[in-house]
Amino acid sequence: MKLRCRMDGLIVPARVESSRLLAWDGEESFELGKMEASFYEIVEANQSEWQELARKGYRILRWASDFKPSKPTIYPTNH
């Protein structure tokens, strides 16, 4: 998923891990608390990502006006 900071427009990749929302600025990751998330908007996410955000209590995140849904990530399997 991708989030955009509403203060400076920076777009960062993010994902939910355990009960935390992690975002990356370059190689550094940082945790977005539920209140800090109010400064971000969702630019791109698939259905399972935004449902996970809601389950973990990040309902304060809003959709960007230019939001676009993404396809779920498909991981290759070795058979």
C-alpha atoms as a PDB file:
ATOM      1  CA  MET A   1       0.000   0.000   0.000  1.00  0.00           C
ATOM      2  CA  LYS A   2       1.086   3.600  -0.431  1.00  0.00           C
ATOM      3  CA  LEU A   3       0.386   6.505   1.914  1.00  0.00           C
ATOM      4  CA  ARG A   4       0.841  10.224   1.319  1.00  0.00           C
ATOM      5  CA  CYS A   5       1.711  12.696   4.041  1.00  0.00           C
ATOM      6  CA  ARG A   6      -0.871  15.493   3.944  1.00  0.00           C
ATOM      7  CA  MET A   7       1.709  17.967   5.290  1.00  0.00           C
ATOM      8  CA  ASP A   8       4.432  17.629   2.634  1.00  0.00           C
ATOM      9  CA  GLY A   9       3.041  15.292  -0.031  1.00  0.00           C
ATOM     10  CA  LEU A  10       5.680  12.593   0.530  1.00  0.00           C
ATOM     11  CA  ILE A  11       4.450   9.181  -0.663  1.00  0.00           C
ATOM     12  CA  VAL A  12       5.707   6.222   1.344  1.00  0.00           C
ATOM     13  CA  PRO A  13       5.147   2.469   1.049  1.00  0.00           C
ATOM     14  CA  ALA A  14       3.505   0.932   4.108  1.00  0.00           C
ATOM     15  CA  ARG A  15       2.128  -2.319   5.479  1.00  0.00           C
ATOM     16  CA  VAL A  16       0.481  -3.673   8.598  1.00  0.00           C
ATOM     17  CA  GLU A  17       2.697  -5.989  10.633  1.00  0.00           C
ATOM     18  CA  SER A  18       1.157  -7.572  13.718  1.00  0.00           C
ATOM     19  CA  SER A  19      -0.820  -4.660  15.136  1.00  0.00           C
ATOM     20  CA  ARG A  20       1.490  -1.926  13.848  1.00  0.00           C
ATOM     21  CA  LEU A  21       1.377   0.187  10.697  1.00  0.00           C
ATOM     22  CA  LEU A  22       4.903   0.513   9.337  1.00  0.00           C
ATOM     23  CA  ALA A  23       5.961   2.959   6.618  1.00  0.00           C
ATOM     24  CA  TRP A  24       9.291   3.398   4.875  1.00  0.00           C
ATOM     25  CA  ASP A  25      11.177   6.546   3.994  1.00  0.00           C
ATOM     26  CA  GLY A  26      14.047   5.178   1.942  1.00  0.00           C
ATOM     27  CA  GLU A  27      15.600   2.295   3.853  1.00  0.00           C
ATOM     28  CA  GLU A  28      14.335   3.432   7.264  1.00  0.00           C
ATOM     29  CA  SER A  29      11.006   2.234   8.582  1.00  0.00           C
ATOM     30  CA  PHE A  30       8.891   4.025  11.142  1.00  0.00           C
ATOM     31  CA  GLU A  31       5.725   3.128  12.985  1.00  0.00           C
ATOM     32  CA  LEU A  32       2.638   5.228  12.414  1.00  0.00           C
ATOM     33  CA  GLY A  33       0.551   5.485  15.543  1.00  0.00           C
ATOM     34  CA  LYS A  34      -3.189   5.800  15.195  1.00  0.00           C
ATOM     35  CA  MET A  35      -3.117   9.553  15.839  1.00  0.00           C
ATOM     36  CA  GLU A  36      -0.110  10.108  13.544  1.00  0.00           C
ATOM     37  CA  ALA A  37      -2.056   8.354  10.812  1.00  0.00           C
ATOM     38  CA  SER A  38      -4.395  11.364  10.679  1.00  0.00           C
ATOM     39  CA  PHE A  39      -1.593  13.192   8.854  1.00  0.00           C
ATOM     40  CA  TYR A  40      -1.614  10.587   6.045  1.00  0.00           C
ATOM     41  CA  GLU A  41      -4.037   9.483   3.353  1.00  0.00           C
ATOM     42  CA  ILE A  42      -4.243   6.219   1.444  1.00  0.00           C
ATOM     43  CA  VAL A  43      -3.085   6.587  -2.144  1.00  0.00           C
ATOM     44  CA  GLU A  44      -3.032   2.917  -3.138  1.00  0.00           C
ATOM     45  CA  ALA A  45      -4.147  -0.283  -1.402  1.00  0.00           C
ATOM     46  CA  ASN A  46      -5.809  -3.563  -2.164  1.00  0.00           C
ATOM     47  CA  GLN A  47      -8.949  -4.759  -0.424  1.00  0.00           C
ATOM     48  CA  SER A  48      -7.187  -6.995   2.091  1.00  0.00           C
ATOM     49  CA  GLU A  49      -4.800  -4.162   3.054  1.00  0.00           C
ATOM     50  CA  TRP A  50      -7.526  -1.641   3.805  1.00  0.00           C
ATOM     51  CA  GLN A  51      -9.599  -4.247   5.644  1.00  0.00           C
ATOM     52  CA  GLU A  52      -6.538  -5.034   7.785  1.00  0.00           C
ATOM     53  CA  LEU A  53      -6.133  -1.307   8.535  1.00  0.00           C
ATOM     54  CA  ALA A  54      -9.731  -1.157   9.752  1.00  0.00           C
ATOM     55  CA  ARG A  55      -9.327  -4.285  11.898  1.00  0.00           C
ATOM     56  CA  LYS A  56      -6.201  -2.833  13.539  1.00  0.00           C
ATOM     57  CA  GLY A  57      -7.951   0.445  14.393  1.00  0.00           C
ATOM     58  CA  TYR A  58      -6.585   2.727  11.675  1.00  0.00           C
ATOM     59  CA  ARG A  59     -10.025   3.940  10.595  1.00  0.00           C
ATOM     60  CA  ILE A  60      -8.784   7.533  10.832  1.00  0.00           C
ATOM     61  CA  LEU A  61      -6.836   7.101   7.575  1.00  0.00           C
ATOM     62  CA  ARG A  62      -8.777   8.634   4.688  1.00  0.00           C
ATOM     63  CA  TRP A  63      -8.754   7.822   0.983  1.00  0.00           C
ATOM     64  CA  ALA A  64      -6.816  10.266  -1.187  1.00  0.00           C
ATOM     65  CA  SER A  65      -8.819  12.001  -3.916  1.00  0.00           C
ATOM     66  CA  ASP A  66      -6.597  10.191  -6.431  1.00  0.00           C
ATOM     67  CA  PHE A  67      -6.855   6.795  -4.671  1.00  0.00           C
ATOM     68  CA  LYS A  68      -6.450   3.733  -6.862  1.00  0.00           C
ATOM     69  CA  PRO A  69      -7.056   0.133  -5.843  1.00  0.00           C
ATOM     70  CA  SER A  70      -4.169  -2.243  -6.382  1.00  0.00           C
ATOM     71  CA  LYS A  71      -4.240  -5.939  -7.076  1.00  0.00           C
ATOM     72  CA  PRO A  72      -3.363  -8.241  -4.208  1.00  0.00           C
ATOM     73  CA  THR A  73       0.272  -9.255  -4.022  1.00  0.00           C
ATOM     74  CA  ILE A  74       0.711 -12.772  -5.315  1.00  0.00           C
ATOM     75  CA  TYR A  75       3.685 -14.635  -3.950  1.00  0.00           C
ATOM     76  CA  PRO A  76       5.225 -17.381  -6.085  1.00  0.00           C
ATOM     77  CA  THR A  77       4.997 -20.891  -4.755  1.00  0.00           C
ATOM     78  CA  ASN A  78       7.551 -23.615  -5.252  1.00  0.00           C
ATOM     79  CA  HIS A  79       5.958 -26.961  -6.006  1.00  0.00           C
END
